[in-house]
Amino acid sequence: MIKSESIAALATALSKLQGEIKDVAPNKKNHRSEYVDLSAMLKEVRPLLAKYGLSLTQLVGNADDKVTVESVLLHESGEWISSSISVPVSKSGASMNDLQSIGSSISYARRYALGALFNYTKDDDDDDGVSYDNHKPQPNAYQPKQKEAQQEYKKPEPQAPKAEAKDTDIVSKEMVFKLSKLCFDAKVDMKKLQVSYKVKALEELTVKQAKEIAGTCKDIIAEKENNELSKAAGKVFSKEDYLTV
């Protein structure tokens, strides 16, 4: 786990959230057991996140043929904690294609990360039926010959670059995460910032506003570093120059 320098306010909010969160009744069933899907878990936790000034983003990646999910819990104070989980891509079930296997593994990782973060309890250690038993295929699964597999492989087409966000767009979760860290490093007064921009949380900012704040934070951080260098040379600067937005 990695975290911001201080997580005092976040820890208090998370403690209150965990005191109110309820275990969700199983709403899905497979050939082995019943389980709670990701949608039901998020439906329970989202109102509590908003109530206590928290937000959650789960970023998906891959490494060494495994799916990785980084869960980042943010607090309106700018504090944050982050944790990652990696799982192999599921190979169970002959009816699954590659994309379905990847999607199943992502959902599996997100649910377990969510359960660990908010202290959900579960009845089954593998309750959605995703099996990682040495990646062995089912006995009846069709196994194409090597030549057939080579013939079926098609080089993926290059993806078009993502359109650049417009200034009037609402900030993405990734931008909120980066901006929260900048605000924390710059020791920005979040209440003053919210009043100044007439928002209740960073998630309500536009891209243009986020860029303005990010630029201000970077200037504050740079000025703070210059202050430290100047103090070493015998010069004194006011703290108020970099503690307000």
C-alpha atoms as a PDB file:
ATOM      1  CA  MET A   1       0.000   0.000   0.000  1.00  0.00           C
ATOM      2  CA  ILE A   2       1.133   3.547  -0.708  1.00  0.00           C
ATOM      3  CA  LYS A   3      -0.395   6.666   0.814  1.00  0.00           C
ATOM      4  CA  SER A   4      -0.202  10.418   1.185  1.00  0.00           C
ATOM      5  CA  GLU A   5       2.029  11.844   3.901  1.00  0.00           C
ATOM      6  CA  SER A   6      -0.929  12.099   6.279  1.00  0.00           C
ATOM      7  CA  ILE A   7      -4.147  10.050   6.252  1.00  0.00           C
ATOM      8  CA  ALA A   8      -5.694  11.263   9.517  1.00  0.00           C
ATOM      9  CA  ALA A   9      -8.860  12.748   7.980  1.00  0.00           C
ATOM     10  CA  LEU A  10      -9.193   9.837   5.536  1.00  0.00           C
ATOM     11  CA  ALA A  11      -8.836   7.287   8.331  1.00  0.00           C
ATOM     12  CA  THR A  12     -11.590   8.978  10.352  1.00  0.00           C
ATOM     13  CA  ALA A  13     -13.942   9.021   7.349  1.00  0.00           C
ATOM     14  CA  LEU A  14     -13.144   5.400   6.473  1.00  0.00           C
ATOM     15  CA  SER A  15     -13.780   4.307  10.063  1.00  0.00           C
ATOM     16  CA  LYS A  16     -17.225   5.914  10.002  1.00  0.00           C
ATOM     17  CA  LEU A  17     -17.998   4.373   6.610  1.00  0.00           C
ATOM     18  CA  GLN A  18     -17.029   0.883   7.761  1.00  0.00           C
ATOM     19  CA  GLY A  19     -19.252   1.334  10.795  1.00  0.00           C
ATOM     20  CA  GLU A  20     -22.282   1.834   8.543  1.00  0.00           C
ATOM     21  CA  ILE A  21     -21.575  -0.469   5.613  1.00  0.00           C
ATOM     22  CA  LYS A  22     -23.662  -3.620   5.469  1.00  0.00           C
ATOM     23  CA  ASP A  23     -22.860  -6.994   3.952  1.00  0.00           C
ATOM     24  CA  VAL A  24     -24.858  -7.418   0.763  1.00  0.00           C
ATOM     25  CA  ALA A  25     -26.958 -10.535   0.292  1.00  0.00           C
ATOM     26  CA  PRO A  26     -25.780 -12.797  -2.552  1.00  0.00           C
ATOM     27  CA  ASN A  27     -27.474 -11.855  -5.816  1.00  0.00           C
ATOM     28  CA  LYS A  28     -25.749 -14.174  -8.297  1.00  0.00           C
ATOM     29  CA  LYS A  29     -25.480 -17.932  -8.572  1.00  0.00           C
ATOM     30  CA  ASN A  30     -23.147 -20.274 -10.433  1.00  0.00           C
ATOM     31  CA  HIS A  31     -22.660 -24.030 -10.567  1.00  0.00           C
ATOM     32  CA  ARG A  32     -20.955 -24.003  -7.158  1.00  0.00           C
ATOM     33  CA  SER A  33     -22.409 -21.270  -4.958  1.00  0.00           C
ATOM     34  CA  GLU A  34     -24.121 -17.914  -4.598  1.00  0.00           C
ATOM     35  CA  TYR A  35     -22.116 -14.689  -4.529  1.00  0.00           C
ATOM     36  CA  VAL A  36     -22.363 -10.879  -4.566  1.00  0.00           C
ATOM     37  CA  ASP A  37     -21.431  -9.228  -7.849  1.00  0.00           C
ATOM     38  CA  LEU A  38     -19.448  -6.008  -8.250  1.00  0.00           C
ATOM     39  CA  SER A  39     -22.508  -3.935  -9.132  1.00  0.00           C
ATOM     40  CA  ALA A  40     -24.278  -4.813  -5.883  1.00  0.00           C
ATOM     41  CA  MET A  41     -21.207  -4.035  -3.789  1.00  0.00           C
ATOM     42  CA  LEU A  42     -20.759  -0.616  -5.427  1.00  0.00           C
ATOM     43  CA  LYS A  43     -24.462   0.170  -5.003  1.00  0.00           C
ATOM     44  CA  GLU A  44     -24.041  -0.300  -1.243  1.00  0.00           C
ATOM     45  CA  VAL A  45     -20.797   1.655  -0.860  1.00  0.00           C
ATOM     46  CA  ARG A  46     -21.280   4.647  -3.205  1.00  0.00           C
ATOM     47  CA  PRO A  47     -23.746   6.602  -1.003  1.00  0.00           C
ATOM     48  CA  LEU A  48     -21.446   6.147   2.000  1.00  0.00           C
ATOM     49  CA  LEU A  49     -18.431   7.331   0.007  1.00  0.00           C
ATOM     50  CA  ALA A  50     -20.269  10.539  -0.871  1.00  0.00           C
ATOM     51  CA  LYS A  51     -21.537  10.949   2.699  1.00  0.00           C
ATOM     52  CA  TYR A  52     -18.032  10.983   4.161  1.00  0.00           C
ATOM     53  CA  GLY A  53     -16.225  12.936   1.452  1.00  0.00           C
ATOM     54  CA  LEU A  54     -14.557   9.916  -0.117  1.00  0.00           C
ATOM     55  CA  SER A  55     -14.216   8.703  -3.692  1.00  0.00           C
ATOM     56  CA  LEU A  56     -12.868   5.487  -5.165  1.00  0.00           C
ATOM     57  CA  THR A  57     -11.229   4.819  -8.497  1.00  0.00           C
ATOM     58  CA  GLN A  58      -9.939   1.458  -9.755  1.00  0.00           C
ATOM     59  CA  LEU A  59      -7.333   1.613 -12.510  1.00  0.00           C
ATOM     60  CA  VAL A  60      -6.777  -1.472 -14.677  1.00  0.00           C
ATOM     61  CA  GLY A  61      -3.476  -2.560 -16.185  1.00  0.00           C
ATOM     62  CA  ASN A  62      -1.514  -5.682 -17.071  1.00  0.00           C
ATOM     63  CA  ALA A  63       1.893  -7.160 -16.320  1.00  0.00           C
ATOM     64  CA  ASP A  64       3.429 -10.579 -17.034  1.00  0.00           C
ATOM     65  CA  ASP A  65       0.170 -11.995 -18.455  1.00  0.00           C
ATOM     66  CA  LYS A  66      -1.716 -10.905 -15.353  1.00  0.00           C
ATOM     67  CA  VAL A  67      -4.483  -8.381 -14.839  1.00  0.00           C
ATOM     68  CA  THR A  68      -3.656  -5.664 -12.305  1.00  0.00           C
ATOM     69  CA  VAL A  69      -6.141  -3.426 -10.535  1.00  0.00           C
ATOM     70  CA  GLU A  70      -4.987  -0.400  -8.526  1.00  0.00           C
ATOM     71  CA  SER A  71      -7.634   0.829  -6.084  1.00  0.00           C
ATOM     72  CA  VAL A  72      -7.207   4.455  -5.008  1.00  0.00           C
ATOM     73  CA  LEU A  73      -9.304   5.831  -2.155  1.00  0.00           C
ATOM     74  CA  LEU A  74      -9.366   9.654  -2.090  1.00  0.00           C
ATOM     75  CA  HIS A  75     -10.578  12.027   0.611  1.00  0.00           C
ATOM     76  CA  GLU A  76     -11.813  15.584   0.057  1.00  0.00           C
ATOM     77  CA  SER A  77      -8.910  16.806   2.207  1.00  0.00           C
ATOM     78  CA  GLY A  78      -6.507  15.645  -0.505  1.00  0.00           C
ATOM     79  CA  GLU A  79      -5.356  12.585   1.457  1.00  0.00           C
ATOM     80  CA  TRP A  80      -5.266   9.215  -0.318  1.00  0.00           C
ATOM     81  CA  ILE A  81      -4.290   5.554  -0.063  1.00  0.00           C
ATOM     82  CA  SER A  82      -3.612   3.162  -2.907  1.00  0.00           C
ATOM     83  CA  SER A  83      -3.275  -0.616  -3.168  1.00  0.00           C
ATOM     84  CA  SER A  84      -2.803  -2.995  -6.114  1.00  0.00           C
ATOM     85  CA  ILE A  85      -3.812  -6.592  -6.789  1.00  0.00           C
ATOM     86  CA  SER A  86      -2.708  -8.881  -9.636  1.00  0.00           C
ATOM     87  CA  VAL A  87      -4.530 -11.998 -10.824  1.00  0.00           C
ATOM     88  CA  PRO A  88      -3.865 -14.335 -13.749  1.00  0.00           C
ATOM     89  CA  VAL A  89      -6.306 -14.253 -16.636  1.00  0.00           C
ATOM     90  CA  SER A  90      -8.947 -16.926 -16.086  1.00  0.00           C
ATOM     91  CA  LYS A  91      -8.713 -19.968 -18.360  1.00  0.00           C
ATOM     92  CA  SER A  92     -11.771 -21.752 -17.027  1.00  0.00           C
ATOM     93  CA  GLY A  93     -14.710 -22.534 -19.245  1.00  0.00           C
ATOM     94  CA  ALA A  94     -14.542 -23.495 -22.897  1.00  0.00           C
ATOM     95  CA  SER A  95     -17.291 -21.023 -23.738  1.00  0.00           C
ATOM     96  CA  MET A  96     -15.163 -17.999 -22.780  1.00  0.00           C
ATOM     97  CA  ASN A  97     -13.239 -16.086 -25.435  1.00  0.00           C
ATOM     98  CA  ASP A  98     -10.122 -14.062 -24.580  1.00  0.00           C
ATOM     99  CA  LEU A  99     -11.984 -10.800 -23.946  1.00  0.00           C
ATOM    100  CA  GLN A 100     -14.518 -12.507 -21.695  1.00  0.00           C
ATOM    101  CA  SER A 101     -11.702 -14.141 -19.724  1.00  0.00           C
ATOM    102  CA  ILE A 102      -9.967 -10.797 -19.241  1.00  0.00           C
ATOM    103  CA  GLY A 103     -13.233  -9.116 -18.233  1.00  0.00           C
ATOM    104  CA  SER A 104     -13.981 -11.883 -15.746  1.00  0.00           C
ATOM    105  CA  SER A 105     -10.532 -11.541 -14.177  1.00  0.00           C
ATOM    106  CA  ILE A 106     -10.875  -7.745 -13.924  1.00  0.00           C
ATOM    107  CA  SER A 107     -14.251  -8.051 -12.170  1.00  0.00           C
ATOM    108  CA  TYR A 108     -12.805 -10.708  -9.855  1.00  0.00           C
ATOM    109  CA  ALA A 109      -9.854  -8.472  -8.891  1.00  0.00           C
ATOM    110  CA  ARG A 110     -12.034  -5.369  -8.438  1.00  0.00           C
ATOM    111  CA  ARG A 111     -14.480  -7.194  -6.144  1.00  0.00           C
ATOM    112  CA  TYR A 112     -11.781  -8.641  -3.934  1.00  0.00           C
ATOM    113  CA  ALA A 113      -9.946  -5.309  -3.746  1.00  0.00           C
ATOM    114  CA  LEU A 114     -13.228  -3.600  -2.819  1.00  0.00           C
ATOM    115  CA  GLY A 115     -13.951  -6.227  -0.174  1.00  0.00           C
ATOM    116  CA  ALA A 116     -10.511  -5.801   1.404  1.00  0.00           C
ATOM    117  CA  LEU A 117     -10.673  -2.006   1.345  1.00  0.00           C
ATOM    118  CA  PHE A 118     -14.068  -1.708   3.032  1.00  0.00           C
ATOM    119  CA  ASN A 119     -13.870  -4.878   5.133  1.00  0.00           C
ATOM    120  CA  TYR A 120     -16.643  -6.736   3.327  1.00  0.00           C
ATOM    121  CA  THR A 121     -17.081 -10.355   4.441  1.00  0.00           C
ATOM    122  CA  LYS A 122     -17.481 -13.195   1.972  1.00  0.00           C
ATOM    123  CA  ASP A 123     -18.651 -16.770   2.371  1.00  0.00           C
ATOM    124  CA  ASP A 124     -16.628 -18.322  -0.438  1.00  0.00           C
ATOM    125  CA  ASP A 125     -13.001 -17.664  -1.330  1.00  0.00           C
ATOM    126  CA  ASP A 126     -13.764 -18.118  -5.019  1.00  0.00           C
ATOM    127  CA  ASP A 127     -17.445 -17.209  -5.076  1.00  0.00           C
ATOM    128  CA  ASP A 128     -17.853 -16.122  -8.674  1.00  0.00           C
ATOM    129  CA  GLY A 129     -16.592 -19.403 -10.004  1.00  0.00           C
ATOM    130  CA  VAL A 130     -13.418 -18.014 -11.551  1.00  0.00           C
ATOM    131  CA  SER A 131     -10.874 -20.806 -11.289  1.00  0.00           C
ATOM    132  CA  TYR A 132      -7.123 -20.397 -11.298  1.00  0.00           C
ATOM    133  CA  ASP A 133      -6.305 -24.081 -10.766  1.00  0.00           C
ATOM    134  CA  ASN A 134      -2.965 -24.075 -12.609  1.00  0.00           C
ATOM    135  CA  HIS A 135      -4.755 -22.650 -15.647  1.00  0.00           C
ATOM    136  CA  LYS A 136      -5.933 -26.152 -16.615  1.00  0.00           C
ATOM    137  CA  PRO A 137      -8.683 -26.109 -19.293  1.00  0.00           C
ATOM    138  CA  GLN A 138     -11.884 -28.013 -18.786  1.00  0.00           C
ATOM    139  CA  PRO A 139     -11.763 -31.622 -20.072  1.00  0.00           C
ATOM    140  CA  ASN A 140     -14.263 -30.897 -22.846  1.00  0.00           C
ATOM    141  CA  ALA A 141     -12.705 -27.629 -23.896  1.00  0.00           C
ATOM    142  CA  TYR A 142     -11.786 -27.485 -27.558  1.00  0.00           C
ATOM    143  CA  GLN A 143      -8.034 -27.104 -27.978  1.00  0.00           C
ATOM    144  CA  PRO A 144      -7.096 -25.846 -31.473  1.00  0.00           C
ATOM    145  CA  LYS A 145      -3.959 -27.216 -33.067  1.00  0.00           C
ATOM    146  CA  GLN A 146      -0.935 -24.968 -33.184  1.00  0.00           C
ATOM    147  CA  LYS A 147      -1.294 -24.264 -36.930  1.00  0.00           C
ATOM    148  CA  GLU A 148      -4.975 -23.457 -36.530  1.00  0.00           C
ATOM    149  CA  ALA A 149      -4.234 -21.101 -33.679  1.00  0.00           C
ATOM    150  CA  GLN A 150      -1.592 -19.345 -35.781  1.00  0.00           C
ATOM    151  CA  GLN A 151      -3.991 -18.978 -38.701  1.00  0.00           C
ATOM    152  CA  GLU A 152      -6.716 -17.571 -36.467  1.00  0.00           C
ATOM    153  CA  TYR A 153      -4.421 -14.972 -34.939  1.00  0.00           C
ATOM    154  CA  LYS A 154      -4.868 -11.524 -36.375  1.00  0.00           C
ATOM    155  CA  LYS A 155      -2.587  -8.626 -35.633  1.00  0.00           C
ATOM    156  CA  PRO A 156      -4.570  -6.100 -33.603  1.00  0.00           C
ATOM    157  CA  GLU A 157      -5.392  -2.930 -35.454  1.00  0.00           C
ATOM    158  CA  PRO A 158      -3.787   0.221 -34.062  1.00  0.00           C
ATOM    159  CA  GLN A 159      -6.170   2.143 -31.842  1.00  0.00           C
ATOM    160  CA  ALA A 160      -6.970   5.732 -32.583  1.00  0.00           C
ATOM    161  CA  PRO A 161      -5.521   8.148 -30.004  1.00  0.00           C
ATOM    162  CA  LYS A 162      -7.954   9.272 -27.339  1.00  0.00           C
ATOM    163  CA  ALA A 163      -9.550  12.630 -27.980  1.00  0.00           C
ATOM    164  CA  GLU A 164      -8.106  15.350 -25.777  1.00  0.00           C
ATOM    165  CA  ALA A 165     -10.461  16.446 -23.033  1.00  0.00           C
ATOM    166  CA  LYS A 166     -12.186  19.791 -23.600  1.00  0.00           C
ATOM    167  CA  ASP A 167     -11.804  22.601 -21.079  1.00  0.00           C
ATOM    168  CA  THR A 168     -15.528  22.431 -20.334  1.00  0.00           C
ATOM    169  CA  ASP A 169     -15.493  18.674 -19.621  1.00  0.00           C
ATOM    170  CA  ILE A 170     -15.704  17.390 -16.051  1.00  0.00           C
ATOM    171  CA  VAL A 171     -12.363  16.081 -14.778  1.00  0.00           C
ATOM    172  CA  SER A 172     -11.611  12.373 -15.057  1.00  0.00           C
ATOM    173  CA  LYS A 173     -10.883  10.182 -12.029  1.00  0.00           C
ATOM    174  CA  GLU A 174      -7.243  10.022 -13.084  1.00  0.00           C
ATOM    175  CA  MET A 175      -7.019  13.823 -13.099  1.00  0.00           C
ATOM    176  CA  VAL A 176      -8.693  13.980  -9.668  1.00  0.00           C
ATOM    177  CA  PHE A 177      -6.078  11.595  -8.282  1.00  0.00           C
ATOM    178  CA  LYS A 178      -3.156  13.613  -9.691  1.00  0.00           C
ATOM    179  CA  LEU A 179      -4.708  16.914  -8.608  1.00  0.00           C
ATOM    180  CA  SER A 180      -5.321  15.619  -5.068  1.00  0.00           C
ATOM    181  CA  LYS A 181      -1.658  14.712  -4.728  1.00  0.00           C
ATOM    182  CA  LEU A 182      -0.556  18.125  -6.045  1.00  0.00           C
ATOM    183  CA  CYS A 183      -2.892  19.929  -3.619  1.00  0.00           C
ATOM    184  CA  PHE A 184      -1.552  17.868  -0.737  1.00  0.00           C
ATOM    185  CA  ASP A 185       2.084  18.497  -1.672  1.00  0.00           C
ATOM    186  CA  ALA A 186       1.374  22.235  -2.017  1.00  0.00           C
ATOM    187  CA  LYS A 187      -0.480  22.293   1.348  1.00  0.00           C
ATOM    188  CA  VAL A 188      -3.506  23.881  -0.298  1.00  0.00           C
ATOM    189  CA  ASP A 189      -6.447  24.767   1.945  1.00  0.00           C
ATOM    190  CA  MET A 190      -9.125  22.534   0.358  1.00  0.00           C
ATOM    191  CA  LYS A 191     -12.034  24.427   1.960  1.00  0.00           C
ATOM    192  CA  LYS A 192     -10.838  27.722   0.515  1.00  0.00           C
ATOM    193  CA  LEU A 193     -10.318  26.063  -2.853  1.00  0.00           C
ATOM    194  CA  GLN A 194     -13.857  24.633  -2.871  1.00  0.00           C
ATOM    195  CA  VAL A 195     -15.328  28.003  -1.928  1.00  0.00           C
ATOM    196  CA  SER A 196     -13.238  29.771  -4.553  1.00  0.00           C
ATOM    197  CA  TYR A 197     -14.398  27.434  -7.331  1.00  0.00           C
ATOM    198  CA  LYS A 198     -17.920  26.925  -5.919  1.00  0.00           C
ATOM    199  CA  VAL A 199     -17.645  23.123  -5.775  1.00  0.00           C
ATOM    200  CA  LYS A 200     -18.142  20.572  -3.010  1.00  0.00           C
ATOM    201  CA  ALA A 201     -15.459  18.183  -4.261  1.00  0.00           C
ATOM    202  CA  LEU A 202     -12.650  18.021  -6.823  1.00  0.00           C
ATOM    203  CA  GLU A 203     -14.781  15.681  -8.953  1.00  0.00           C
ATOM    204  CA  GLU A 204     -17.064  18.644  -9.809  1.00  0.00           C
ATOM    205  CA  LEU A 205     -14.280  20.728 -11.384  1.00  0.00           C
ATOM    206  CA  THR A 206     -13.966  21.284 -15.117  1.00  0.00           C
ATOM    207  CA  VAL A 207     -10.783  20.397 -16.981  1.00  0.00           C
ATOM    208  CA  LYS A 208      -9.943  24.106 -17.317  1.00  0.00           C
ATOM    209  CA  GLN A 209     -10.346  24.686 -13.571  1.00  0.00           C
ATOM    210  CA  ALA A 210      -8.266  21.610 -12.772  1.00  0.00           C
ATOM    211  CA  LYS A 211      -5.468  22.856 -15.041  1.00  0.00           C
ATOM    212  CA  GLU A 212      -5.541  26.239 -13.319  1.00  0.00           C
ATOM    213  CA  ILE A 213      -5.318  24.650  -9.870  1.00  0.00           C
ATOM    214  CA  ALA A 214      -2.587  22.244 -10.981  1.00  0.00           C
ATOM    215  CA  GLY A 215      -0.572  25.170 -12.353  1.00  0.00           C
ATOM    216  CA  THR A 216      -1.005  27.082  -9.095  1.00  0.00           C
ATOM    217  CA  CYS A 217       0.043  24.029  -7.053  1.00  0.00           C
ATOM    218  CA  LYS A 218       3.168  23.536  -9.140  1.00  0.00           C
ATOM    219  CA  ASP A 219       4.072  27.212  -8.705  1.00  0.00           C
ATOM    220  CA  ILE A 220       3.521  26.918  -4.926  1.00  0.00           C
ATOM    221  CA  ILE A 221       5.697  23.810  -4.718  1.00  0.00           C
ATOM    222  CA  ALA A 222       8.428  25.453  -6.799  1.00  0.00           C
ATOM    223  CA  GLU A 223       8.245  28.620  -4.656  1.00  0.00           C
ATOM    224  CA  LYS A 224       8.406  26.517  -1.501  1.00  0.00           C
ATOM    225  CA  GLU A 225      11.553  24.824  -2.765  1.00  0.00           C
ATOM    226  CA  ASN A 226      13.032  28.212  -3.652  1.00  0.00           C
ATOM    227  CA  ASN A 227      12.130  29.467  -0.153  1.00  0.00           C
ATOM    228  CA  GLU A 228      14.039  26.601   1.403  1.00  0.00           C
ATOM    229  CA  LEU A 229      17.058  27.361  -0.765  1.00  0.00           C
ATOM    230  CA  SER A 230      16.777  31.080   0.006  1.00  0.00           C
ATOM    231  CA  LYS A 231      16.487  30.466   3.733  1.00  0.00           C
ATOM    232  CA  ALA A 232      19.702  28.526   3.544  1.00  0.00           C
ATOM    233  CA  ALA A 233      21.240  31.663   2.021  1.00  0.00           C
ATOM    234  CA  GLY A 234      19.828  33.862   4.800  1.00  0.00           C
ATOM    235  CA  LYS A 235      16.626  35.131   3.141  1.00  0.00           C
ATOM    236  CA  VAL A 236      13.147  34.858   4.717  1.00  0.00           C
ATOM    237  CA  PHE A 237       9.797  34.454   2.931  1.00  0.00           C
ATOM    238  CA  SER A 238       6.206  34.424   4.247  1.00  0.00           C
ATOM    239  CA  LYS A 239       4.365  31.093   4.597  1.00  0.00           C
ATOM    240  CA  GLU A 240       1.157  32.777   3.529  1.00  0.00           C
ATOM    241  CA  ASP A 241       2.546  32.993   0.004  1.00  0.00           C
ATOM    242  CA  TYR A 242       2.048  29.280  -0.539  1.00  0.00           C
ATOM    243  CA  LEU A 243      -0.596  28.185   1.963  1.00  0.00           C
ATOM    244  CA  THR A 244      -3.556  29.772   0.153  1.00  0.00           C
ATOM    245  CA  VAL A 245      -5.094  29.370  -3.287  1.00  0.00           C
END
